[in-house]
Amino acid sequence: MNLASSLALYSSTSLADAMQMQPSTVRKFFEGKPFDDWKKGRESELKTQAAIVNRLNDVIRACGIVAKTIARTR
């Protein structure tokens, strides 16, 4: 069941179709180079998103510092 669920989540296969597949075939799918390449691409996307969020946090932090500085001078 775990292999079929994973196949349904990580591919365009319905759970019903995944349940009909041989476990050895599903294992080959997950052990293959195309799936490994997909995982690496996904990890790269997530790293990019994390970098964007970190930059936005830095901008927000800097805006707070500027606001405090301006408030002190008034």
Protein backbone atom coordinates (compact mmCIF):
# COMPACT_ATOMS: atom_id res chain seq x y z
CA MET A 1 0.00 0.00 0.00
CA ASN A 2 2.84 2.42 0.82
CA LEU A 3 4.44 1.99 -2.59
CA ALA A 4 1.12 2.50 -4.37
CA SER A 5 0.38 5.61 -2.29
CA SER A 6 3.80 7.04 -3.03
CA LEU A 7 3.41 6.33 -6.73
CA ALA A 8 0.05 8.12 -6.75
CA LEU A 9 1.55 11.12 -4.95
CA TYR A 10 4.74 11.44 -6.99
CA SER A 11 3.43 10.58 -10.47
CA SER A 12 0.32 11.08 -12.54
CA THR A 13 -0.90 7.61 -11.65
CA SER A 14 -4.25 7.10 -9.95
CA LEU A 15 -4.24 5.11 -6.74
CA ALA A 16 -6.39 2.43 -8.38
CA ASP A 17 -3.85 2.03 -11.20
CA ALA A 18 -0.95 2.10 -8.76
CA MET A 19 -2.56 -0.67 -6.73
CA GLN A 20 -2.66 -2.84 -9.87
CA MET A 21 1.09 -2.48 -10.53
CA GLN A 22 3.64 -5.00 -9.38
CA PRO A 23 5.64 -3.78 -6.34
CA SER A 24 8.89 -4.59 -8.15
CA THR A 25 7.89 -2.26 -11.02
CA VAL A 26 7.04 0.53 -8.60
CA ARG A 27 10.38 0.05 -6.80
CA LYS A 28 12.19 0.33 -10.15
CA PHE A 29 10.36 3.61 -10.77
CA PHE A 30 11.57 5.06 -7.48
CA GLU A 31 15.10 3.70 -7.89
CA GLY A 32 15.47 4.99 -11.46
CA LYS A 33 17.47 7.97 -12.66
CA PRO A 34 14.44 9.98 -13.87
CA PHE A 35 12.90 9.95 -10.39
CA ASP A 36 16.26 10.84 -8.85
CA ASP A 37 16.56 13.75 -11.29
CA TRP A 38 13.04 14.88 -10.38
CA LYS A 39 13.93 14.80 -6.66
CA LYS A 40 17.05 16.88 -7.28
CA GLY A 41 15.03 19.39 -9.28
CA ARG A 42 12.43 19.61 -6.54
CA GLU A 43 15.12 20.11 -3.90
CA SER A 44 16.58 22.90 -6.02
CA GLU A 45 13.17 24.59 -6.25
CA LEU A 46 12.74 24.37 -2.48
CA LYS A 47 16.20 25.85 -1.87
CA THR A 48 15.34 28.73 -4.20
CA GLN A 49 12.09 29.36 -2.34
CA ALA A 50 13.89 29.28 1.01
CA ALA A 51 16.45 31.78 -0.29
CA ILE A 52 13.66 34.13 -1.41
CA VAL A 53 11.95 33.89 1.99
CA ASN A 54 15.26 34.59 3.77
CA ARG A 55 15.84 37.66 1.61
CA LEU A 56 12.34 38.93 2.31
CA ASN A 57 12.92 38.43 6.03
CA ASP A 58 16.11 40.49 5.74
CA VAL A 59 14.21 43.28 3.97
CA ILE A 60 11.47 43.23 6.61
CA ARG A 61 14.07 43.29 9.39
CA ALA A 62 15.84 46.24 7.73
CA CYS A 63 12.53 48.12 7.39
CA GLY A 64 11.97 47.65 11.12
CA ILE A 65 15.42 49.05 11.87
CA VAL A 66 14.78 52.06 9.64
CA ALA A 67 11.39 52.67 11.28
CA LYS A 68 12.92 52.52 14.79
CA THR A 69 15.70 54.88 13.74
CA ILE A 70 13.25 57.38 12.28
CA ALA A 71 11.04 57.16 15.38
CA ARG A 72 14.01 57.97 17.64
CA THR A 73 14.96 61.08 15.66
CA ARG A 74 11.52 62.65 15.93
